[in-house]
């Protein structure tokens, strides 16, 4: 048995996300938090007698030289941070002579690629295999980890090993999602959908109250998928006064029709929610297997305003059934319903997703530099836009939503703190967009160098946009 291995676990961050504008915008956007996976895995290793440190590069300075003083480095990967992970892994292996393990969404989707930069790759949920991998009882190059059937048995995240700043506790009450949108990479890795018991979740929340966290983030892909279950959880939180200054969660638009749930969310101070609107075009929802009625979106805005729940509206730009009028319509709707924040996301074909398979088959992906797979850059040929036009739609959506005009309404509905955050984001976007255009290679001349394959534009989209 290997005794007392010195281990560093790193969540890397792409270079441009480490720049001043991006970090400042993130600070204004909301409290910093840490991905739970490395904290759970690190806790397992720590309890087994190993010396573990976890660094989340986005939230604090990470000096790669610290890898010189460990035996093993592990990397949690997503597609947009994988280039940085490979850079650090090559430094650790080739220059410092360290053992390297990789896991996470991207490494699980493309393990053979990740193995070029690592000694071993873990595909899937690593908790059941990580100790045997570290202690060299599992020696295969690629380890296929089975899903954990009963997620109540997992230990809670160990924040004592986190070496970078963190202001909000992250908690997962489920794994996976009962839905399977074609662009979602998370639902491909965390299969099947599983729920923790209410008492197990409450025990973890009690821990965070004792640790004096001011903020709580539910990181479930869809916290409100099982509404009766989450009502029981919220009632328990309220009865035990497990209330934080503000709690964030991911939800769906159908919460608009459940007044009891909205009341409980308000009373538990779960007052910041991200909802994937994606589009107001029902055919687009059907195309991506969203399983949501757009009429639900129209019902949500007034309800959330009435319950003082701040809406972060997420929309997707570039779906094959959406034209420029569809994008304008959804952005205008988000403004009209006084959404607190907007997250425009360019459709991104993450490896392993159905969208990736489709666009690859159609030879429409022109960019394979993974750092651009961040939902802010166009990496494929859209059906109804040139790549440059779709990129400009992204910029225009940000500029239109984050204008000064709606600030009085934000103050009136959500108060002064929300106003200051919103104003800060407005200023950062105005200052950073020119910098982003230059440094991220999104000028029209760049996209003009890519040949566009022959694509049939759907007739209904032509008619809507006057093509």
Protein backbone atom coordinates (compact mmCIF):
# COMPACT_ATOMS: atom_id res chain seq x y z
CA UNK A 1 0.00 0.00 0.00
CA UNK A 2 1.20 3.50 -0.85
CA UNK A 3 1.46 5.60 2.31
CA UNK A 4 1.08 9.35 2.61
CA UNK A 5 1.12 10.41 -1.02
CA UNK A 6 1.37 14.18 -1.47
CA UNK A 7 -1.45 15.07 -3.89
CA UNK A 8 -2.46 18.32 -5.57
CA UNK A 9 -5.86 18.48 -7.28
CA UNK A 10 -6.32 21.34 -9.73
CA UNK A 11 -9.35 22.82 -11.48
CA UNK A 12 -7.57 24.76 -14.27
CA UNK A 13 -8.84 27.89 -15.94
CA UNK A 14 -8.32 28.99 -19.54
CA UNK A 15 -5.96 31.92 -20.01
CA UNK A 16 -8.54 34.52 -21.01
CA UNK A 17 -10.71 33.68 -17.98
CA UNK A 18 -7.76 34.63 -15.80
CA UNK A 19 -7.62 38.15 -17.18
CA UNK A 20 -8.62 41.20 -15.15
CA UNK A 21 -11.96 41.91 -16.85
CA UNK A 22 -13.26 38.36 -16.60
CA UNK A 23 -12.31 37.93 -12.95
CA UNK A 24 -13.78 41.30 -12.03
CA UNK A 25 -17.02 40.47 -13.83
CA UNK A 26 -17.21 37.16 -11.99
CA UNK A 27 -16.66 38.89 -8.65
CA UNK A 28 -19.51 41.28 -9.39
CA UNK A 29 -21.72 38.53 -10.82
CA UNK A 30 -21.95 36.61 -7.56
CA UNK A 31 -20.08 34.92 -4.69
CA UNK A 32 -17.21 32.60 -5.58
CA UNK A 33 -17.69 28.86 -5.06
CA UNK A 34 -15.73 25.65 -5.55
CA UNK A 35 -16.59 22.62 -7.70
CA UNK A 36 -17.59 19.85 -5.31
CA UNK A 37 -16.05 16.87 -7.13
CA UNK A 38 -12.39 17.54 -6.25
CA UNK A 39 -13.38 18.37 -2.64
CA UNK A 40 -15.20 15.05 -2.27
CA UNK A 41 -12.40 13.08 -3.93
CA UNK A 42 -9.74 14.97 -1.99
CA UNK A 43 -11.58 14.25 1.25
CA UNK A 44 -11.62 10.52 0.47
CA UNK A 45 -7.86 10.58 -0.09
CA UNK A 46 -7.22 12.68 3.01
CA UNK A 47 -9.14 10.28 5.24
CA UNK A 48 -7.05 7.44 3.81
CA UNK A 49 -3.93 9.13 5.16
CA UNK A 50 -2.76 11.12 2.14
CA UNK A 51 -1.75 14.78 2.08
CA UNK A 52 -4.14 16.64 -0.23
CA UNK A 53 -4.49 20.21 -1.48
CA UNK A 54 -7.14 21.49 -3.90
CA UNK A 55 -6.73 24.58 -6.09
CA UNK A 56 -9.45 26.18 -8.20
CA UNK A 57 -7.40 28.41 -10.46
CA UNK A 58 -10.20 30.78 -11.43
CA UNK A 59 -10.81 31.97 -7.87
CA UNK A 60 -7.23 32.49 -6.77
CA UNK A 61 -3.61 32.53 -7.83
CA UNK A 62 -2.18 29.08 -8.54
CA UNK A 63 1.60 28.83 -8.81
CA UNK A 64 2.47 25.81 -10.98
CA UNK A 65 5.80 25.54 -9.16
CA UNK A 66 3.94 24.07 -6.18
CA UNK A 67 3.60 20.88 -8.25
CA UNK A 68 7.34 20.32 -7.71
CA UNK A 69 6.63 19.44 -4.10
CA UNK A 70 4.00 16.74 -4.62
CA UNK A 71 3.96 13.15 -5.81
CA UNK A 72 0.78 13.24 -7.89
CA UNK A 73 -1.26 15.90 -9.66
CA UNK A 74 -4.92 15.40 -10.57
CA UNK A 75 -6.86 17.60 -12.98
CA UNK A 76 -10.62 18.16 -13.18
CA UNK A 77 -11.37 18.92 -16.83
CA UNK A 78 -14.09 20.53 -18.87
CA UNK A 79 -13.68 21.32 -22.54
CA UNK A 80 -12.89 25.02 -22.19
CA UNK A 81 -10.15 24.42 -19.59
CA UNK A 82 -8.59 21.34 -21.19
CA UNK A 83 -5.80 23.22 -23.00
CA UNK A 84 -4.66 24.69 -19.69
CA UNK A 85 -4.96 21.25 -18.07
CA UNK A 86 -2.74 19.76 -20.79
CA UNK A 87 -0.24 22.61 -20.39
CA UNK A 88 0.04 22.07 -16.63
CA UNK A 89 0.00 18.29 -16.98
CA UNK A 90 2.87 18.34 -19.49
CA UNK A 91 4.83 20.59 -17.15
CA UNK A 92 4.21 18.26 -14.21
CA UNK A 93 5.01 15.05 -16.13
CA UNK A 94 7.72 16.04 -18.57
CA UNK A 95 9.64 18.68 -16.62
CA UNK A 96 8.95 17.84 -12.97
CA UNK A 97 8.61 14.07 -13.35
CA UNK A 98 5.28 13.86 -11.51
CA UNK A 99 2.50 11.32 -11.90
CA UNK A 100 -0.64 12.81 -13.49
CA UNK A 101 -4.28 11.69 -13.37
CA UNK A 102 -7.13 13.31 -15.29
CA UNK A 103 -10.90 13.14 -14.93
CA UNK A 104 -13.99 15.25 -15.45
CA UNK A 105 -16.31 15.90 -18.36
CA UNK A 106 -13.82 16.39 -21.18
CA UNK A 107 -11.44 13.61 -20.15
CA UNK A 108 -14.44 11.28 -19.82
CA UNK A 109 -15.61 12.18 -23.33
CA UNK A 110 -12.18 11.90 -24.99
CA UNK A 111 -10.05 9.68 -22.73
CA UNK A 112 -7.57 8.67 -25.45
CA UNK A 113 -6.80 12.33 -26.12
CA UNK A 114 -6.41 13.07 -22.39
CA UNK A 115 -4.11 10.08 -21.99
CA UNK A 116 -1.55 11.77 -24.22
CA UNK A 117 -0.98 14.16 -21.30
CA UNK A 118 -1.62 11.89 -18.30
CA UNK A 119 -0.50 8.61 -16.80
CA UNK A 120 -4.11 7.56 -16.17
CA UNK A 121 -7.56 8.85 -17.07
CA UNK A 122 -10.69 8.19 -15.03
CA UNK A 123 -13.89 8.07 -17.07
CA UNK A 124 -17.08 8.78 -15.14
CA UNK A 125 -17.64 9.24 -11.40
CA UNK A 126 -14.29 8.78 -9.69
CA UNK A 127 -15.25 8.42 -6.01
CA UNK A 128 -15.34 4.61 -5.97
CA UNK A 129 -12.01 4.15 -7.77
CA UNK A 130 -9.85 7.13 -6.84
CA UNK A 131 -8.17 5.53 -3.82
CA UNK A 132 -7.24 2.38 -5.75
CA UNK A 133 -5.90 4.50 -8.61
CA UNK A 134 -3.77 6.67 -6.31
CA UNK A 135 -2.48 3.64 -4.41
CA UNK A 136 -1.71 1.83 -7.71
CA UNK A 137 -4.15 -1.02 -7.17
CA UNK A 138 -5.82 -0.08 -10.46
CA UNK A 139 -3.14 0.29 -13.11
CA UNK A 140 -5.04 0.46 -16.42
CA UNK A 141 -4.33 3.55 -18.50
CA UNK A 142 -8.05 4.30 -18.75
CA UNK A 143 -10.25 3.48 -15.75
CA UNK A 144 -13.99 3.23 -16.43
CA UNK A 145 -15.66 4.12 -13.14
CA UNK A 146 -19.22 2.85 -12.60
CA UNK A 147 -21.97 5.28 -11.53
CA UNK A 148 -22.61 5.40 -7.79
CA UNK A 149 -26.02 3.84 -7.14
CA UNK A 150 -26.66 5.27 -3.69
CA UNK A 151 -25.21 8.78 -3.57
CA UNK A 152 -26.11 9.09 0.13
CA UNK A 153 -22.96 7.08 0.88
CA UNK A 154 -20.69 9.76 -0.54
CA UNK A 155 -18.80 11.93 1.96
CA UNK A 156 -19.47 15.65 2.04
CA UNK A 157 -17.01 18.02 0.32
CA UNK A 158 -13.96 18.75 2.48
CA UNK A 159 -13.37 22.51 2.37
CA UNK A 160 -10.38 22.25 4.70
CA UNK A 161 -8.20 21.13 1.76
CA UNK A 162 -9.25 24.01 -0.53
CA UNK A 163 -6.38 26.50 -0.90
CA UNK A 164 -8.12 29.14 -3.03
CA UNK A 165 -10.86 31.61 -1.94
CA UNK A 166 -14.48 30.52 -1.65
CA UNK A 167 -17.47 32.53 -0.40
CA UNK A 168 -20.37 30.19 -1.19
CA UNK A 169 -20.91 26.53 -0.37
CA UNK A 170 -21.89 24.34 -3.31
CA UNK A 171 -24.21 21.41 -2.75
CA UNK A 172 -25.56 18.70 -5.06
CA UNK A 173 -28.78 17.00 -3.95
CA UNK A 174 -28.98 14.93 -7.15
CA UNK A 175 -26.74 13.64 -9.89
CA UNK A 176 -27.69 13.88 -13.52
CA UNK A 177 -30.88 15.24 -15.01
CA UNK A 178 -34.18 13.56 -15.88
CA UNK A 179 -34.06 15.49 -19.15
CA UNK A 180 -31.46 15.05 -21.88
CA UNK A 181 -30.98 18.18 -23.96
CA UNK A 182 -28.89 17.44 -27.02
CA UNK A 183 -26.27 20.11 -26.23
CA UNK A 184 -25.71 19.13 -22.57
CA UNK A 185 -22.48 17.32 -21.67
CA UNK A 186 -23.31 16.88 -17.98
CA UNK A 187 -26.33 14.65 -18.64
CA UNK A 188 -24.11 12.34 -20.73
CA UNK A 189 -21.67 11.74 -17.89
CA UNK A 190 -23.99 11.55 -14.90
CA UNK A 191 -26.33 8.69 -15.83
CA UNK A 192 -28.77 7.69 -14.47
CA UNK A 193 -30.53 10.49 -12.59
CA UNK A 194 -30.26 9.88 -8.82
CA UNK A 195 -31.55 11.68 -5.72
CA UNK A 196 -30.09 11.97 -2.23
CA UNK A 197 -32.36 11.55 0.78
CA UNK A 198 -33.66 14.75 2.36
CA UNK A 199 -31.99 14.00 5.70
CA UNK A 200 -28.62 13.45 4.02
CA UNK A 201 -28.88 16.81 2.26
CA UNK A 202 -29.99 18.58 5.44
CA UNK A 203 -27.02 17.16 7.32
CA UNK A 204 -24.67 18.71 4.75
CA UNK A 205 -26.47 22.07 4.92
CA UNK A 206 -26.15 22.01 8.72
CA UNK A 207 -22.41 21.61 8.22
CA UNK A 208 -22.26 24.73 6.04
CA UNK A 209 -24.18 26.76 8.60
CA UNK A 210 -21.66 25.71 11.26
CA UNK A 211 -18.88 26.72 8.86
CA UNK A 212 -20.55 30.15 8.65
CA UNK A 213 -20.97 30.28 4.90
CA UNK A 214 -23.17 33.25 3.98
CA UNK A 215 -24.22 31.89 0.59
CA UNK A 216 -25.41 28.50 -0.65
CA UNK A 217 -25.53 27.26 -4.25
CA UNK A 218 -27.58 24.25 -5.26
CA UNK A 219 -25.62 22.92 -8.23
CA UNK A 220 -28.17 20.31 -9.36
CA UNK A 221 -28.77 20.50 -13.11
CA UNK A 222 -32.44 20.95 -12.23
CA UNK A 223 -33.19 21.36 -8.53
CA UNK A 224 -36.94 21.47 -9.07
CA UNK A 225 -37.22 18.37 -11.26
CA UNK A 226 -39.03 16.56 -8.42
CA UNK A 227 -41.13 19.35 -6.97
CA UNK A 228 -42.62 17.43 -4.05
CA UNK A 229 -39.17 16.32 -2.95
CA UNK A 230 -37.72 19.82 -3.06
CA UNK A 231 -40.71 21.19 -1.14
CA UNK A 232 -39.91 18.78 1.70
CA UNK A 233 -36.29 19.93 1.63
CA UNK A 234 -37.22 23.62 1.70
CA UNK A 235 -39.69 23.11 4.55
CA UNK A 236 -36.98 21.35 6.55
CA UNK A 237 -34.53 24.17 5.88
CA UNK A 238 -37.06 26.76 7.01
CA UNK A 239 -38.10 24.85 10.15
CA UNK A 240 -34.44 24.45 11.23
CA UNK A 241 -33.54 28.01 10.21
CA UNK A 242 -30.97 26.72 7.74
CA UNK A 243 -31.27 29.97 5.84
CA UNK A 244 -28.46 31.81 4.10
CA UNK A 245 -28.16 35.39 2.92
CA UNK A 246 -29.01 34.14 -0.56
CA UNK A 247 -29.29 30.73 -2.18
CA UNK A 248 -28.88 30.03 -5.89
CA UNK A 249 -30.40 27.17 -7.88
CA UNK A 250 -31.04 25.91 -11.42
CA UNK A 251 -34.70 25.47 -12.32
CA UNK A 252 -37.14 25.18 -15.19
CA UNK A 253 -39.86 27.55 -16.32
CA UNK A 254 -42.61 25.22 -15.10
CA UNK A 255 -42.06 26.40 -11.51
CA UNK A 256 -44.31 29.31 -12.53
CA UNK A 257 -47.35 27.10 -11.98
CA UNK A 258 -46.58 26.02 -8.42
CA UNK A 259 -47.31 28.83 -5.96
CA UNK A 260 -46.49 26.69 -2.94
CA UNK A 261 -43.03 25.97 -4.33
CA UNK A 262 -42.43 29.64 -5.12
CA UNK A 263 -43.44 30.64 -1.58
CA UNK A 264 -41.06 28.09 -0.08
CA UNK A 265 -38.22 29.19 -2.35
CA UNK A 266 -38.80 32.79 -1.29
CA UNK A 267 -39.00 31.95 2.42
CA UNK A 268 -35.84 29.81 2.24
CA UNK A 269 -34.12 32.75 0.48
CA UNK A 270 -33.57 30.68 -2.65
CA UNK A 271 -33.91 33.95 -4.49
CA UNK A 272 -31.57 33.61 -7.45
CA UNK A 273 -32.42 31.11 -10.16
CA UNK A 274 -30.94 30.30 -13.55
CA UNK A 275 -33.55 29.08 -16.02
CA UNK A 276 -32.70 27.83 -19.50
CA UNK A 277 -35.11 29.74 -21.74
CA UNK A 278 -32.98 28.90 -24.80
CA UNK A 279 -35.55 30.33 -27.27
CA UNK A 280 -39.17 31.39 -27.66
CA UNK A 281 -39.41 29.19 -30.74
CA UNK A 282 -41.11 25.89 -29.88
CA UNK A 283 -39.48 24.13 -32.83
CA UNK A 284 -36.07 25.00 -31.35
CA UNK A 285 -37.04 23.42 -28.02
CA UNK A 286 -38.18 20.33 -29.87
CA UNK A 287 -34.96 20.24 -31.90
CA UNK A 288 -32.74 20.12 -28.80
CA UNK A 289 -35.04 17.73 -26.90
CA UNK A 290 -35.74 20.36 -24.23
CA UNK A 291 -39.17 18.91 -23.38
CA UNK A 292 -40.51 22.31 -22.39
CA UNK A 293 -43.45 24.35 -23.60
CA UNK A 294 -42.50 27.92 -24.48
CA UNK A 295 -45.78 29.09 -22.94
CA UNK A 296 -44.19 28.26 -19.58
CA UNK A 297 -41.54 30.90 -20.28
CA UNK A 298 -44.16 33.58 -20.82
CA UNK A 299 -45.74 32.71 -17.47
CA UNK A 300 -42.54 32.79 -15.43
CA UNK A 301 -41.43 36.44 -15.42
CA UNK A 302 -44.30 38.00 -13.48
CA UNK A 303 -44.34 35.14 -10.97
CA UNK A 304 -40.67 35.45 -10.10
CA UNK A 305 -40.98 39.22 -9.79
CA UNK A 306 -43.95 38.82 -7.43
CA UNK A 307 -41.92 36.49 -5.19
CA UNK A 308 -38.76 38.65 -5.40
CA UNK A 309 -36.79 35.80 -6.98
CA UNK A 310 -34.04 37.10 -9.27
CA UNK A 311 -34.04 35.47 -12.69
CA UNK A 312 -30.86 34.67 -14.59
CA UNK A 313 -32.13 33.89 -18.07
CA UNK A 314 -29.97 31.57 -20.17
CA UNK A 315 -30.53 31.59 -23.92
CA UNK A 316 -28.91 29.65 -26.76
CA UNK A 317 -27.86 31.36 -29.98
CA UNK A 318 -27.36 29.53 -33.25
CA UNK A 319 -29.85 26.67 -33.22
CA UNK A 320 -30.80 25.50 -36.70
CA UNK A 321 -34.41 26.63 -36.36
CA UNK A 322 -33.66 30.12 -35.00
CA UNK A 323 -33.02 33.21 -37.08
CA UNK A 324 -32.05 36.75 -36.06
CA UNK A 325 -35.67 37.66 -35.27
CA UNK A 326 -35.88 34.75 -32.83
CA UNK A 327 -32.79 35.98 -31.00
CA UNK A 328 -34.13 39.54 -30.89
CA UNK A 329 -37.44 38.24 -29.57
CA UNK A 330 -35.98 36.27 -26.67
CA UNK A 331 -33.59 39.08 -25.63
CA UNK A 332 -36.45 41.61 -25.71
CA UNK A 333 -38.57 39.24 -23.65
CA UNK A 334 -35.86 38.94 -21.00
CA UNK A 335 -35.66 42.74 -20.80
CA UNK A 336 -39.44 43.13 -20.60
CA UNK A 337 -39.83 40.66 -17.73
CA UNK A 338 -37.07 42.40 -15.76
CA UNK A 339 -34.67 39.47 -15.76
CA UNK A 340 -31.86 40.17 -13.32
CA UNK A 341 -29.09 38.79 -15.53
CA UNK A 342 -28.75 37.32 -19.02
CA UNK A 343 -26.47 34.48 -20.07
CA UNK A 344 -26.40 34.32 -23.85
CA UNK A 345 -24.69 31.08 -24.87
CA UNK A 346 -23.58 30.31 -28.39
CA UNK A 347 -24.57 26.75 -29.27
CA UNK A 348 -21.44 24.72 -28.57
CA UNK A 349 -20.89 21.12 -29.73
CA UNK A 350 -19.20 19.66 -26.67
CA UNK A 351 -17.57 16.27 -27.32
CA UNK A 352 -19.88 13.38 -26.49
CA UNK A 353 -23.12 15.31 -27.03
CA UNK A 354 -25.72 14.67 -29.70
CA UNK A 355 -25.06 18.12 -31.17
CA UNK A 356 -21.38 17.25 -31.55
CA UNK A 357 -22.24 14.02 -33.36
CA UNK A 358 -24.70 15.79 -35.66
CA UNK A 359 -22.46 18.70 -36.61
CA UNK A 360 -19.44 16.43 -37.06
CA UNK A 361 -21.43 14.20 -39.39
CA UNK A 362 -22.50 17.26 -41.39
CA UNK A 363 -18.90 18.55 -41.52
CA UNK A 364 -19.95 21.85 -39.93
CA UNK A 365 -17.39 22.12 -37.11
CA UNK A 366 -14.49 24.29 -38.27
CA UNK A 367 -12.69 24.93 -34.96
CA UNK A 368 -11.16 22.15 -32.85
CA UNK A 369 -9.14 24.36 -30.52
CA UNK A 370 -10.91 23.41 -27.29
CA UNK A 371 -10.31 26.76 -25.56
CA UNK A 372 -12.97 28.25 -27.82
CA UNK A 373 -15.60 25.76 -26.58
CA UNK A 374 -16.78 28.18 -23.90
CA UNK A 375 -20.26 29.09 -25.23
CA UNK A 376 -18.95 32.55 -26.13
CA UNK A 377 -17.30 31.68 -29.45
CA UNK A 378 -18.70 30.25 -32.66
CA UNK A 379 -16.93 27.02 -33.58
CA UNK A 380 -19.33 25.66 -36.22
CA UNK A 381 -21.14 26.81 -39.34
CA UNK A 382 -24.69 27.84 -38.36
CA UNK A 383 -27.56 27.19 -40.72
CA UNK A 384 -28.96 30.69 -40.81
CA UNK A 385 -25.93 32.90 -40.19
CA UNK A 386 -22.34 33.16 -41.19
CA UNK A 387 -20.08 32.44 -38.24
CA UNK A 388 -19.21 36.14 -37.96
CA UNK A 389 -22.89 37.12 -37.97
CA UNK A 390 -23.71 34.72 -35.16
CA UNK A 391 -20.75 36.02 -33.15
CA UNK A 392 -22.09 39.56 -33.58
CA UNK A 393 -25.51 38.38 -32.38
CA UNK A 394 -23.80 37.31 -29.15
CA UNK A 395 -22.18 40.71 -28.67
CA UNK A 396 -25.37 42.54 -29.54
CA UNK A 397 -27.44 40.47 -27.09
CA UNK A 398 -25.05 41.42 -24.27
CA UNK A 399 -24.96 45.10 -25.18
CA UNK A 400 -28.73 45.33 -25.56
CA UNK A 401 -29.60 43.59 -22.31
CA UNK A 402 -26.91 45.22 -20.17
CA UNK A 403 -27.85 48.80 -20.97
CA UNK A 404 -28.39 51.51 -18.39
CA UNK A 405 -32.11 51.91 -19.13
CA UNK A 406 -33.55 49.06 -16.98
CA UNK A 407 -31.50 49.89 -13.86
CA UNK A 408 -34.29 51.80 -12.10
CA UNK A 409 -36.60 48.79 -12.41
CA UNK A 410 -33.88 46.52 -11.01
CA UNK A 411 -33.51 48.85 -8.02
CA UNK A 412 -37.25 49.01 -7.47
CA UNK A 413 -37.80 45.25 -7.67
CA UNK A 414 -34.64 43.75 -6.15
CA UNK A 415 -33.00 46.52 -4.10
CA UNK A 416 -29.71 48.39 -4.00
CA UNK A 417 -27.32 45.43 -3.86
CA UNK A 418 -28.84 43.95 -7.03
CA UNK A 419 -28.63 47.36 -8.66
CA UNK A 420 -24.93 47.69 -7.89
CA UNK A 421 -24.15 44.24 -9.22
CA UNK A 422 -26.13 44.87 -12.39
CA UNK A 423 -24.49 48.26 -12.89
CA UNK A 424 -21.07 46.71 -12.37
CA UNK A 425 -21.75 44.07 -15.03
CA UNK A 426 -22.95 46.79 -17.44
CA UNK A 427 -19.70 48.71 -16.99
CA UNK A 428 -17.48 45.63 -17.30
CA UNK A 429 -19.19 44.55 -20.53
CA UNK A 430 -18.78 48.00 -22.07
CA UNK A 431 -15.09 48.02 -21.14
CA UNK A 432 -14.27 44.41 -21.96
CA UNK A 433 -16.06 43.73 -25.26
CA UNK A 434 -13.48 45.54 -27.41
CA UNK A 435 -10.69 43.65 -25.60
CA UNK A 436 -12.57 40.36 -26.03
CA UNK A 437 -13.11 40.91 -29.76
CA UNK A 438 -9.39 41.37 -30.33
CA UNK A 439 -7.94 38.72 -28.04
CA UNK A 440 -10.45 35.98 -28.86
CA UNK A 441 -10.07 36.13 -32.68
CA UNK A 442 -13.70 36.84 -33.41
CA UNK A 443 -13.34 39.53 -36.08
CA UNK A 444 -15.22 39.01 -39.32
CA UNK A 445 -11.97 38.56 -41.25
CA UNK A 446 -11.13 35.48 -39.18
CA UNK A 447 -14.40 33.74 -39.91
CA UNK A 448 -14.20 34.71 -43.56
CA UNK A 449 -11.24 32.35 -43.95
CA UNK A 450 -13.46 29.32 -43.26
CA UNK A 451 -15.32 27.78 -46.16
CA UNK A 452 -19.02 27.35 -45.49
CA UNK A 453 -20.55 24.02 -46.52
CA UNK A 454 -23.78 23.91 -48.49
CA UNK A 455 -26.61 24.14 -45.95
CA UNK A 456 -30.32 24.09 -46.48
CA UNK A 457 -32.01 26.85 -44.49
CA UNK A 458 -35.40 25.72 -43.17
CA UNK A 459 -38.20 27.43 -45.08
CA UNK A 460 -40.02 28.46 -41.87
CA UNK A 461 -36.91 30.32 -40.70
CA UNK A 462 -36.58 32.06 -44.05
CA UNK A 463 -40.17 33.20 -43.81
CA UNK A 464 -39.81 34.48 -40.22
CA UNK A 465 -36.69 36.49 -40.99
CA UNK A 466 -37.72 37.61 -44.44
CA UNK A 467 -35.01 35.64 -46.24
